[in-house]
Amino acid sequence: MMDHFYFDERLGIHVPDLGLEWDEYSKETQQYILLHWEQIRGSIPDRIAELEQEINLKQDKLSNENDFPRSCKLNTEIADLASIINDLWLWYRANQTVSTKVHQ
């Protein structure tokens, strides 16, 4: 059943990868996909917290960094992590309607 998800290296989570229209899946498969997505979705805040810790560490390093090229590199890394967090929140929020189907 994991064929309905793939691991996104950048985000650090599995995301849906549906090859068919939703209605083309059996009710049993739909239920499994929804339940599995709910488990993944529930882990997103923890993943965000991990990335926020990385950002905090890099910001601490940045505040003590005197080397301009190194400062630029740290800023880029912080921006990349912030972008990942933004995308994770989009996945989390955009799929709230899908997650409510699990409980109906």
N, C-alpha and C. Protein backbone atom coordinates (compact mmCIF):
# COMPACT_ATOMS: atom_id res chain seq x y z
N MET A 1 0.82 -1.21 0.00
CA MET A 1 0.00 0.00 0.00
C MET A 1 0.86 1.27 0.00
N MET A 2 2.14 1.12 0.28
CA MET A 2 3.00 2.30 0.27
C MET A 2 3.17 2.85 -1.14
N ASP A 3 2.66 2.14 -2.16
CA ASP A 3 2.78 2.65 -3.51
C ASP A 3 1.94 3.91 -3.70
N HIS A 4 1.10 4.25 -2.75
CA HIS A 4 0.28 5.45 -2.83
C HIS A 4 0.97 6.65 -2.18
N PHE A 5 2.20 6.45 -1.74
CA PHE A 5 2.99 7.50 -1.11
C PHE A 5 4.44 7.37 -1.56
N TYR A 6 5.15 8.47 -1.54
CA TYR A 6 6.59 8.41 -1.78
C TYR A 6 7.28 9.29 -0.75
N PHE A 7 8.50 8.94 -0.45
CA PHE A 7 9.26 9.71 0.55
C PHE A 7 9.89 10.91 -0.13
N ASP A 8 9.51 12.08 0.33
CA ASP A 8 10.07 13.33 -0.19
C ASP A 8 11.31 13.66 0.66
N GLU A 9 12.47 13.51 0.05
CA GLU A 9 13.74 13.73 0.77
C GLU A 9 13.82 15.14 1.35
N ARG A 10 13.39 16.11 0.59
CA ARG A 10 13.48 17.50 1.04
C ARG A 10 12.60 17.75 2.27
N LEU A 11 11.38 17.26 2.23
CA LEU A 11 10.45 17.48 3.34
C LEU A 11 10.69 16.54 4.51
N GLY A 12 11.23 15.37 4.21
CA GLY A 12 11.48 14.40 5.27
C GLY A 12 10.25 13.62 5.70
N ILE A 13 9.23 13.59 4.83
CA ILE A 13 8.01 12.83 5.11
C ILE A 13 7.54 12.13 3.84
N HIS A 14 6.64 11.17 4.01
CA HIS A 14 5.98 10.57 2.86
C HIS A 14 4.84 11.50 2.45
N VAL A 15 4.65 11.64 1.15
CA VAL A 15 3.55 12.44 0.63
C VAL A 15 2.75 11.58 -0.35
N PRO A 16 1.47 11.93 -0.53
CA PRO A 16 0.63 11.14 -1.44
C PRO A 16 1.17 11.16 -2.87
N ASP A 17 1.01 10.04 -3.53
CA ASP A 17 1.40 9.88 -4.93
C ASP A 17 0.33 9.01 -5.59
N LEU A 18 -0.81 9.62 -5.85
CA LEU A 18 -1.95 8.88 -6.35
C LEU A 18 -1.93 8.86 -7.87
N GLY A 19 -1.92 7.67 -8.42
CA GLY A 19 -1.87 7.51 -9.87
C GLY A 19 -3.23 7.51 -10.53
N LEU A 20 -4.28 7.38 -9.73
CA LEU A 20 -5.64 7.34 -10.26
C LEU A 20 -6.45 8.49 -9.69
N GLU A 21 -7.60 8.73 -10.29
CA GLU A 21 -8.55 9.66 -9.68
C GLU A 21 -9.07 9.02 -8.40
N TRP A 22 -9.41 9.84 -7.42
CA TRP A 22 -9.82 9.34 -6.12
C TRP A 22 -10.95 8.31 -6.22
N ASP A 23 -11.94 8.60 -7.05
CA ASP A 23 -13.10 7.71 -7.17
C ASP A 23 -12.78 6.37 -7.85
N GLU A 24 -11.62 6.29 -8.47
CA GLU A 24 -11.23 5.04 -9.12
C GLU A 24 -10.66 4.02 -8.13
N TYR A 25 -10.35 4.47 -6.92
CA TYR A 25 -9.87 3.55 -5.89
C TYR A 25 -11.05 2.90 -5.19
N SER A 26 -10.87 1.68 -4.76
CA SER A 26 -11.92 1.01 -3.99
C SER A 26 -12.09 1.74 -2.66
N LYS A 27 -13.24 1.56 -2.05
CA LYS A 27 -13.50 2.19 -0.75
C LYS A 27 -12.48 1.73 0.29
N GLU A 28 -12.11 0.46 0.21
CA GLU A 28 -11.11 -0.08 1.14
C GLU A 28 -9.77 0.61 0.96
N THR A 29 -9.36 0.80 -0.29
CA THR A 29 -8.09 1.48 -0.57
C THR A 29 -8.16 2.94 -0.15
N GLN A 30 -9.28 3.59 -0.42
CA GLN A 30 -9.45 4.98 0.01
C GLN A 30 -9.29 5.10 1.51
N GLN A 31 -9.93 4.18 2.23
CA GLN A 31 -9.86 4.20 3.70
C GLN A 31 -8.41 4.03 4.17
N TYR A 32 -7.71 3.08 3.55
CA TYR A 32 -6.32 2.86 3.93
C TYR A 32 -5.48 4.10 3.66
N ILE A 33 -5.65 4.69 2.49
CA ILE A 33 -4.88 5.90 2.13
C ILE A 33 -5.17 7.01 3.13
N LEU A 34 -6.44 7.22 3.44
CA LEU A 34 -6.81 8.28 4.38
C LEU A 34 -6.24 8.04 5.77
N LEU A 35 -6.31 6.81 6.23
CA LEU A 35 -5.77 6.50 7.56
C LEU A 35 -4.25 6.67 7.59
N HIS A 36 -3.60 6.22 6.53
CA HIS A 36 -2.16 6.36 6.46
C HIS A 36 -1.76 7.83 6.38
N TRP A 37 -2.50 8.61 5.59
CA TRP A 37 -2.20 10.03 5.49
C TRP A 37 -2.39 10.72 6.84
N GLU A 38 -3.42 10.34 7.58
CA GLU A 38 -3.65 10.94 8.89
C GLU A 38 -2.46 10.69 9.82
N GLN A 39 -1.87 9.51 9.75
CA GLN A 39 -0.69 9.21 10.56
C GLN A 39 0.48 10.10 10.14
N ILE A 40 0.68 10.22 8.84
CA ILE A 40 1.77 11.06 8.33
C ILE A 40 1.52 12.51 8.71
N ARG A 41 0.32 12.97 8.48
CA ARG A 41 -0.04 14.36 8.77
C ARG A 41 0.19 14.69 10.25
N GLY A 42 -0.10 13.73 11.11
CA GLY A 42 0.11 13.93 12.54
C GLY A 42 1.57 14.10 12.91
N SER A 43 2.47 13.62 12.06
CA SER A 43 3.91 13.74 12.35
C SER A 43 4.50 15.06 11.83
N ILE A 44 3.75 15.79 11.04
CA ILE A 44 4.28 17.02 10.44
C ILE A 44 4.69 18.05 11.49
N PRO A 45 3.88 18.33 12.53
CA PRO A 45 4.34 19.30 13.54
C PRO A 45 5.66 18.91 14.21
N ASP A 46 5.88 17.61 14.42
CA ASP A 46 7.15 17.16 15.00
C ASP A 46 8.31 17.42 14.04
N ARG A 47 8.08 17.17 12.77
CA ARG A 47 9.11 17.43 11.74
C ARG A 47 9.43 18.92 11.70
N ILE A 48 8.40 19.75 11.79
CA ILE A 48 8.61 21.20 11.79
C ILE A 48 9.43 21.61 13.01
N ALA A 49 9.13 21.04 14.16
CA ALA A 49 9.88 21.36 15.38
C ALA A 49 11.36 21.00 15.22
N GLU A 50 11.65 19.86 14.57
CA GLU A 50 13.05 19.47 14.32
C GLU A 50 13.76 20.51 13.46
N LEU A 51 13.07 20.95 12.42
CA LEU A 51 13.67 21.94 11.52
C LEU A 51 13.86 23.29 12.22
N GLU A 52 12.92 23.65 13.08
CA GLU A 52 13.05 24.89 13.83
C GLU A 52 14.27 24.85 14.76
N GLN A 53 14.54 23.68 15.32
CA GLN A 53 15.74 23.54 16.16
C GLN A 53 17.00 23.74 15.32
N GLU A 54 17.01 23.18 14.12
CA GLU A 54 18.16 23.37 13.22
C GLU A 54 18.34 24.85 12.89
N ILE A 55 17.22 25.54 12.63
CA ILE A 55 17.29 26.97 12.34
C ILE A 55 17.87 27.72 13.52
N ASN A 56 17.40 27.40 14.71
CA ASN A 56 17.90 28.09 15.92
C ASN A 56 19.41 27.89 16.08
N LEU A 57 19.89 26.68 15.84
CA LEU A 57 21.33 26.42 15.94
C LEU A 57 22.11 27.24 14.91
N LYS A 58 21.59 27.29 13.70
CA LYS A 58 22.26 28.05 12.65
C LYS A 58 22.21 29.55 12.94
N GLN A 59 21.11 30.03 13.50
CA GLN A 59 21.02 31.44 13.86
C GLN A 59 22.02 31.79 14.97
N ASP A 60 22.21 30.86 15.91
CA ASP A 60 23.21 31.08 16.96
C ASP A 60 24.61 31.18 16.34
N LYS A 61 24.90 30.28 15.41
CA LYS A 61 26.19 30.34 14.72
C LYS A 61 26.33 31.64 13.94
N LEU A 62 25.25 32.04 13.28
CA LEU A 62 25.27 33.25 12.47
C LEU A 62 25.54 34.49 13.31
N SER A 63 24.98 34.53 14.50
CA SER A 63 25.16 35.72 15.35
C SER A 63 26.61 35.88 15.81
N ASN A 64 27.40 34.80 15.75
CA ASN A 64 28.80 34.87 16.15
C ASN A 64 29.77 34.76 14.97
N GLU A 65 29.23 34.76 13.77
CA GLU A 65 30.05 34.56 12.58
C GLU A 65 30.58 35.90 12.06
N ASN A 66 31.90 35.96 11.87
CA ASN A 66 32.53 37.18 11.34
C ASN A 66 32.94 37.05 9.88
N ASP A 67 32.96 35.82 9.39
CA ASP A 67 33.35 35.56 8.01
C ASP A 67 32.13 35.76 7.11
N PHE A 68 32.21 36.76 6.20
CA PHE A 68 31.06 37.10 5.38
C PHE A 68 30.59 35.95 4.51
N PRO A 69 31.46 35.26 3.77
CA PRO A 69 30.97 34.13 2.97
C PRO A 69 30.28 33.05 3.81
N ARG A 70 30.82 32.78 4.98
CA ARG A 70 30.20 31.79 5.87
C ARG A 70 28.84 32.30 6.35
N SER A 71 28.73 33.60 6.62
CA SER A 71 27.44 34.20 7.03
C SER A 71 26.40 34.02 5.92
N CYS A 72 26.83 34.25 4.70
CA CYS A 72 25.93 34.09 3.55
C CYS A 72 25.46 32.64 3.44
N LYS A 73 26.38 31.71 3.63
CA LYS A 73 26.03 30.29 3.57
C LYS A 73 25.02 29.93 4.66
N LEU A 74 25.25 30.41 5.87
CA LEU A 74 24.32 30.14 6.96
C LEU A 74 22.94 30.75 6.67
N ASN A 75 22.92 31.96 6.13
CA ASN A 75 21.65 32.59 5.77
C ASN A 75 20.89 31.77 4.73
N THR A 76 21.62 31.25 3.76
CA THR A 76 21.00 30.42 2.73
C THR A 76 20.44 29.14 3.34
N GLU A 77 21.19 28.52 4.21
CA GLU A 77 20.72 27.29 4.87
C GLU A 77 19.48 27.56 5.71
N ILE A 78 19.46 28.67 6.40
CA ILE A 78 18.30 29.05 7.22
C ILE A 78 17.09 29.28 6.31
N ALA A 79 17.29 29.97 5.22
CA ALA A 79 16.19 30.23 4.28
C ALA A 79 15.66 28.92 3.69
N ASP A 80 16.56 28.00 3.37
CA ASP A 80 16.13 26.70 2.84
C ASP A 80 15.28 25.93 3.85
N LEU A 81 15.72 25.93 5.10
CA LEU A 81 14.96 25.26 6.16
C LEU A 81 13.60 25.92 6.36
N ALA A 82 13.57 27.24 6.31
CA ALA A 82 12.30 27.97 6.46
C ALA A 82 11.35 27.63 5.31
N SER A 83 11.90 27.47 4.12
CA SER A 83 11.09 27.09 2.96
C SER A 83 10.48 25.70 3.14
N ILE A 84 11.26 24.79 3.68
CA ILE A 84 10.75 23.43 3.95
C ILE A 84 9.62 23.50 4.97
N ILE A 85 9.81 24.28 6.02
CA ILE A 85 8.77 24.43 7.04
C ILE A 85 7.49 24.98 6.40
N ASN A 86 7.63 25.98 5.55
CA ASN A 86 6.47 26.54 4.87
C ASN A 86 5.74 25.47 4.06
N ASP A 87 6.48 24.68 3.30
CA ASP A 87 5.87 23.62 2.50
C ASP A 87 5.20 22.56 3.36
N LEU A 88 5.81 22.23 4.49
CA LEU A 88 5.19 21.27 5.41
C LEU A 88 3.87 21.80 5.96
N TRP A 89 3.84 23.08 6.31
CA TRP A 89 2.57 23.66 6.80
C TRP A 89 1.51 23.65 5.70
N LEU A 90 1.93 23.87 4.46
CA LEU A 90 0.98 23.80 3.34
C LEU A 90 0.39 22.40 3.22
N TRP A 91 1.23 21.38 3.30
CA TRP A 91 0.74 20.00 3.26
C TRP A 91 -0.20 19.74 4.44
N TYR A 92 0.19 20.20 5.60
CA TYR A 92 -0.61 19.97 6.81
C TYR A 92 -1.99 20.61 6.69
N ARG A 93 -2.02 21.86 6.25
CA ARG A 93 -3.29 22.60 6.18
C ARG A 93 -4.12 22.23 4.96
N ALA A 94 -3.48 22.06 3.83
CA ALA A 94 -4.21 21.77 2.60
C ALA A 94 -4.94 20.45 2.67
N ASN A 95 -4.46 19.55 3.47
CA ASN A 95 -5.05 18.22 3.54
C ASN A 95 -5.92 18.01 4.77
N GLN A 96 -6.29 19.10 5.45
CA GLN A 96 -7.19 18.96 6.58
C GLN A 96 -8.53 18.41 6.13
N THR A 97 -8.98 18.81 4.95
CA THR A 97 -10.28 18.33 4.48
C THR A 97 -10.21 16.82 4.19
N VAL A 98 -9.08 16.37 3.69
CA VAL A 98 -8.90 14.94 3.45
C VAL A 98 -8.92 14.20 4.78
N SER A 99 -8.25 14.75 5.77
CA SER A 99 -8.17 14.09 7.07
C SER A 99 -9.53 14.01 7.76
N THR A 100 -10.40 14.96 7.52
CA THR A 100 -11.70 14.90 8.16
C THR A 100 -12.54 13.76 7.61
N LYS A 101 -12.26 13.34 6.37
CA LYS A 101 -12.98 12.21 5.77
C LYS A 101 -12.73 10.91 6.56
N VAL A 102 -11.57 10.83 7.18
CA VAL A 102 -11.22 9.63 7.95
C VAL A 102 -12.20 9.43 9.09
N HIS A 103 -12.64 10.54 9.67
CA HIS A 103 -13.47 10.47 10.86
C HIS A 103 -14.96 10.44 10.54
N GLN A 104 -15.31 10.46 9.27
CA GLN A 104 -16.73 10.44 8.92
C GLN A 104 -17.24 9.04 8.67
